[in-house]
N, C-alpha and C. Protein backbone atom coordinates (compact mmCIF):
# COMPACT_ATOMS: atom_id res chain seq x y z
N MET A 1 -6.04 -21.55 35.83
CA MET A 1 -5.95 -20.19 35.33
C MET A 1 -4.64 -19.54 35.76
N LYS A 2 -4.07 -19.97 36.88
CA LYS A 2 -2.85 -19.35 37.37
C LYS A 2 -1.68 -19.56 36.42
N TYR A 3 -1.74 -20.56 35.55
CA TYR A 3 -0.65 -20.82 34.61
C TYR A 3 -0.69 -19.90 33.39
N PHE A 4 -1.81 -19.29 33.12
CA PHE A 4 -1.94 -18.41 31.97
C PHE A 4 -1.48 -16.98 32.25
N ALA A 5 -1.43 -16.60 33.51
CA ALA A 5 -1.05 -15.23 33.86
C ALA A 5 0.33 -14.85 33.33
N PRO A 6 1.38 -15.69 33.46
CA PRO A 6 2.68 -15.30 32.91
C PRO A 6 2.64 -15.10 31.39
N LEU A 7 1.86 -15.90 30.68
CA LEU A 7 1.77 -15.75 29.23
C LEU A 7 1.13 -14.42 28.86
N ILE A 8 0.14 -14.02 29.60
CA ILE A 8 -0.53 -12.75 29.34
C ILE A 8 0.45 -11.59 29.56
N LEU A 9 1.23 -11.67 30.64
CA LEU A 9 2.20 -10.62 30.92
C LEU A 9 3.29 -10.56 29.85
N ILE A 10 3.74 -11.71 29.38
CA ILE A 10 4.75 -11.73 28.33
C ILE A 10 4.19 -11.12 27.05
N ALA A 11 2.99 -11.47 26.69
CA ALA A 11 2.37 -10.93 25.48
C ALA A 11 2.19 -9.42 25.59
N ALA A 12 1.86 -8.94 26.77
CA ALA A 12 1.66 -7.50 26.95
C ALA A 12 2.97 -6.73 26.84
N CYS A 13 4.09 -7.37 27.11
CA CYS A 13 5.39 -6.70 27.07
C CYS A 13 6.07 -6.79 25.71
N THR A 14 5.53 -7.56 24.81
CA THR A 14 6.13 -7.71 23.49
C THR A 14 5.93 -6.41 22.71
N PRO A 15 7.03 -5.82 22.22
CA PRO A 15 6.87 -4.55 21.48
C PRO A 15 6.13 -4.77 20.17
N ALA A 16 5.33 -3.78 19.81
CA ALA A 16 4.61 -3.84 18.54
C ALA A 16 5.60 -3.62 17.39
N VAL A 17 5.43 -4.38 16.34
CA VAL A 17 6.30 -4.24 15.18
C VAL A 17 5.62 -3.31 14.19
N ALA A 18 6.32 -2.26 13.84
CA ALA A 18 5.78 -1.30 12.87
C ALA A 18 5.74 -1.94 11.48
N PRO A 19 4.71 -1.67 10.70
CA PRO A 19 4.66 -2.25 9.37
C PRO A 19 5.79 -1.71 8.50
N GLU A 20 6.26 -2.54 7.61
CA GLU A 20 7.30 -2.13 6.67
C GLU A 20 6.73 -1.03 5.78
N PRO A 21 7.46 0.06 5.57
CA PRO A 21 6.93 1.13 4.73
C PRO A 21 6.72 0.67 3.29
N LEU A 22 5.76 1.28 2.63
CA LEU A 22 5.53 0.94 1.22
C LEU A 22 6.76 1.30 0.40
N PRO A 23 7.19 0.40 -0.48
CA PRO A 23 8.37 0.68 -1.31
C PRO A 23 8.00 1.54 -2.52
N LEU A 24 7.80 2.83 -2.28
CA LEU A 24 7.43 3.76 -3.34
C LEU A 24 8.68 4.13 -4.13
N PHE A 25 8.52 4.30 -5.43
CA PHE A 25 9.66 4.74 -6.24
C PHE A 25 9.19 5.61 -7.39
N GLY A 26 10.14 6.37 -7.95
CA GLY A 26 9.84 7.29 -9.04
C GLY A 26 9.47 8.66 -8.51
N ASP A 27 9.39 9.60 -9.43
CA ASP A 27 9.09 11.00 -9.07
C ASP A 27 7.62 11.34 -9.24
N GLY A 28 6.83 10.40 -9.64
CA GLY A 28 5.40 10.61 -9.86
C GLY A 28 4.93 9.64 -10.91
N TYR A 29 3.69 9.21 -10.80
CA TYR A 29 3.16 8.28 -11.80
C TYR A 29 2.43 9.07 -12.87
N ARG A 30 2.78 8.87 -14.05
CA ARG A 30 2.34 9.51 -15.28
C ARG A 30 3.21 10.72 -15.60
N ALA A 31 3.61 11.50 -14.61
CA ALA A 31 4.48 12.66 -14.86
C ALA A 31 5.23 13.00 -13.57
N ASP A 32 6.44 13.51 -13.73
CA ASP A 32 7.20 13.95 -12.57
C ASP A 32 6.38 14.95 -11.77
N GLY A 33 6.40 14.79 -10.46
CA GLY A 33 5.67 15.70 -9.58
C GLY A 33 4.26 15.25 -9.24
N ASP A 34 3.72 14.25 -9.94
CA ASP A 34 2.39 13.74 -9.60
C ASP A 34 2.42 13.16 -8.19
N GLN A 35 1.29 13.20 -7.50
CA GLN A 35 1.21 12.69 -6.14
C GLN A 35 1.28 11.16 -6.09
N CYS A 36 0.82 10.50 -7.11
CA CYS A 36 0.84 9.03 -7.15
C CYS A 36 2.23 8.56 -7.55
N ARG A 37 2.59 7.39 -7.02
CA ARG A 37 3.91 6.83 -7.33
C ARG A 37 3.80 5.32 -7.49
N ARG A 38 4.71 4.75 -8.25
CA ARG A 38 4.76 3.30 -8.41
C ARG A 38 5.16 2.66 -7.08
N VAL A 39 4.75 1.42 -6.92
CA VAL A 39 5.02 0.67 -5.69
C VAL A 39 5.77 -0.60 -6.06
N GLY A 40 6.81 -0.89 -5.30
CA GLY A 40 7.58 -2.12 -5.49
C GLY A 40 7.05 -3.24 -4.62
N GLU A 41 7.85 -4.27 -4.50
CA GLU A 41 7.43 -5.48 -3.80
C GLU A 41 7.92 -5.50 -2.36
N ASN A 42 7.01 -5.84 -1.46
CA ASN A 42 7.34 -6.20 -0.08
C ASN A 42 6.24 -7.13 0.42
N ALA A 43 6.27 -7.49 1.68
CA ALA A 43 5.29 -8.44 2.21
C ALA A 43 3.85 -7.94 2.07
N ALA A 44 3.63 -6.64 2.19
CA ALA A 44 2.28 -6.08 2.12
C ALA A 44 1.76 -5.94 0.70
N THR A 45 2.65 -5.78 -0.28
CA THR A 45 2.21 -5.51 -1.65
C THR A 45 2.34 -6.70 -2.59
N ASN A 46 3.03 -7.73 -2.16
CA ASN A 46 3.32 -8.88 -3.01
C ASN A 46 2.07 -9.45 -3.69
N ALA A 47 0.98 -9.54 -2.97
CA ALA A 47 -0.24 -10.15 -3.52
C ALA A 47 -0.88 -9.30 -4.61
N PHE A 48 -0.51 -8.03 -4.71
CA PHE A 48 -1.16 -7.13 -5.66
C PHE A 48 -0.35 -6.88 -6.93
N LEU A 49 0.86 -7.40 -6.98
CA LEU A 49 1.71 -7.18 -8.16
C LEU A 49 1.28 -8.08 -9.30
N ASP A 50 1.39 -7.56 -10.51
CA ASP A 50 0.95 -8.27 -11.71
C ASP A 50 1.87 -7.86 -12.85
N ASP A 51 2.30 -8.82 -13.66
CA ASP A 51 3.21 -8.47 -14.76
C ASP A 51 2.52 -7.69 -15.88
N ALA A 52 1.19 -7.61 -15.85
CA ALA A 52 0.45 -6.88 -16.87
C ALA A 52 -0.12 -5.57 -16.34
N ALA A 53 0.37 -5.14 -15.16
CA ALA A 53 -0.15 -3.91 -14.56
C ALA A 53 0.91 -3.27 -13.68
N ASP A 54 0.81 -1.96 -13.54
CA ASP A 54 1.63 -1.23 -12.57
C ASP A 54 0.85 -1.15 -11.28
N LEU A 55 1.54 -1.32 -10.16
CA LEU A 55 0.93 -1.08 -8.86
C LEU A 55 1.27 0.36 -8.48
N VAL A 56 0.24 1.14 -8.24
CA VAL A 56 0.41 2.58 -8.02
C VAL A 56 -0.26 2.97 -6.71
N ALA A 57 0.43 3.80 -5.92
CA ALA A 57 -0.11 4.30 -4.66
C ALA A 57 -0.41 5.78 -4.80
N CYS A 58 -1.63 6.17 -4.41
CA CYS A 58 -2.03 7.57 -4.39
C CYS A 58 -2.44 7.91 -2.96
N PRO A 59 -2.11 9.09 -2.47
CA PRO A 59 -2.54 9.47 -1.12
C PRO A 59 -4.07 9.39 -0.99
N GLU A 60 -4.52 8.85 0.15
CA GLU A 60 -5.97 8.71 0.37
C GLU A 60 -6.71 10.03 0.29
N ASP A 61 -6.04 11.13 0.64
CA ASP A 61 -6.72 12.42 0.65
C ASP A 61 -6.57 13.20 -0.66
N MET A 62 -6.05 12.55 -1.69
CA MET A 62 -5.90 13.21 -2.99
C MET A 62 -7.28 13.53 -3.55
N GLU A 63 -7.47 14.75 -4.01
CA GLU A 63 -8.79 15.21 -4.46
C GLU A 63 -9.32 14.48 -5.68
N ASN A 64 -8.46 14.09 -6.61
CA ASN A 64 -8.94 13.54 -7.87
C ASN A 64 -8.69 12.03 -8.00
N LEU A 65 -8.92 11.27 -6.92
CA LEU A 65 -8.75 9.82 -6.98
C LEU A 65 -9.65 9.20 -8.04
N GLY A 66 -10.88 9.62 -8.10
CA GLY A 66 -11.81 9.07 -9.08
C GLY A 66 -11.37 9.35 -10.51
N VAL A 67 -10.87 10.54 -10.74
CA VAL A 67 -10.38 10.92 -12.07
C VAL A 67 -9.16 10.06 -12.42
N PHE A 68 -8.27 9.85 -11.45
CA PHE A 68 -7.09 9.01 -11.69
C PHE A 68 -7.53 7.61 -12.13
N ALA A 69 -8.47 7.03 -11.41
CA ALA A 69 -8.94 5.67 -11.73
C ALA A 69 -9.55 5.62 -13.12
N ILE A 70 -10.36 6.59 -13.48
CA ILE A 70 -11.00 6.61 -14.79
C ILE A 70 -9.97 6.82 -15.90
N ASP A 71 -9.08 7.79 -15.71
CA ASP A 71 -8.07 8.11 -16.74
C ASP A 71 -7.10 6.96 -17.00
N THR A 72 -6.75 6.21 -15.94
CA THR A 72 -5.73 5.16 -16.08
C THR A 72 -6.32 3.77 -16.25
N GLY A 73 -7.61 3.61 -15.96
CA GLY A 73 -8.21 2.27 -15.94
C GLY A 73 -7.82 1.50 -14.69
N GLY A 74 -7.29 2.22 -13.69
CA GLY A 74 -6.84 1.59 -12.45
C GLY A 74 -7.99 1.05 -11.63
N VAL A 75 -7.72 -0.08 -10.97
CA VAL A 75 -8.69 -0.72 -10.09
C VAL A 75 -8.12 -0.70 -8.68
N GLU A 76 -8.90 -0.18 -7.74
CA GLU A 76 -8.43 -0.16 -6.35
C GLU A 76 -8.29 -1.58 -5.83
N VAL A 77 -7.11 -1.89 -5.25
CA VAL A 77 -6.87 -3.23 -4.73
C VAL A 77 -6.64 -3.24 -3.23
N ALA A 78 -6.30 -2.09 -2.64
CA ALA A 78 -6.06 -2.05 -1.19
C ALA A 78 -5.92 -0.61 -0.73
N ARG A 79 -6.01 -0.45 0.59
CA ARG A 79 -5.70 0.82 1.25
C ARG A 79 -4.71 0.50 2.36
N LEU A 80 -3.51 1.05 2.23
CA LEU A 80 -2.45 0.77 3.19
C LEU A 80 -1.70 2.05 3.53
N GLN A 81 -1.44 2.25 4.81
CA GLN A 81 -0.56 3.31 5.28
C GLN A 81 -0.88 4.69 4.70
N GLY A 82 -2.15 4.99 4.56
CA GLY A 82 -2.55 6.30 4.06
C GLY A 82 -2.58 6.43 2.55
N TYR A 83 -2.43 5.31 1.85
CA TYR A 83 -2.45 5.30 0.39
C TYR A 83 -3.54 4.38 -0.13
N VAL A 84 -4.07 4.73 -1.29
CA VAL A 84 -4.95 3.84 -2.04
C VAL A 84 -4.08 3.19 -3.09
N LEU A 85 -4.08 1.86 -3.15
CA LEU A 85 -3.29 1.15 -4.13
C LEU A 85 -4.18 0.77 -5.31
N TYR A 86 -3.67 1.08 -6.50
CA TYR A 86 -4.38 0.77 -7.73
C TYR A 86 -3.54 -0.17 -8.59
N SER A 87 -4.20 -1.11 -9.21
CA SER A 87 -3.58 -1.92 -10.23
C SER A 87 -3.95 -1.27 -11.56
N VAL A 88 -2.94 -0.74 -12.26
CA VAL A 88 -3.17 0.00 -13.49
C VAL A 88 -2.66 -0.84 -14.67
N PRO A 89 -3.57 -1.29 -15.54
CA PRO A 89 -3.16 -2.16 -16.65
C PRO A 89 -2.16 -1.47 -17.58
N THR A 90 -1.19 -2.24 -18.04
CA THR A 90 -0.19 -1.71 -18.97
C THR A 90 -0.39 -2.24 -20.36
N ARG A 91 -1.31 -3.15 -20.55
CA ARG A 91 -1.57 -3.72 -21.88
C ARG A 91 -2.99 -3.44 -22.30
């Protein structure tokens, strides 16, 4: 057991890596000023991108999330960094 102690101390001193911020772009999804925005590609979003859909992030505390999903046909695919990610079909 005495050989594991240095490894534990090293692991405890390793700084935590902050997650890469979501690559949000545009002035709003559907209209300028909307709270939801399109999302680009990074390590966290790569699995959710689709050539037949827009990946859209809406704040988790947005009042009309359900209305957004119904109006756009969006399907929730993840919750990351305070946002709900929707895959919104474009076809």
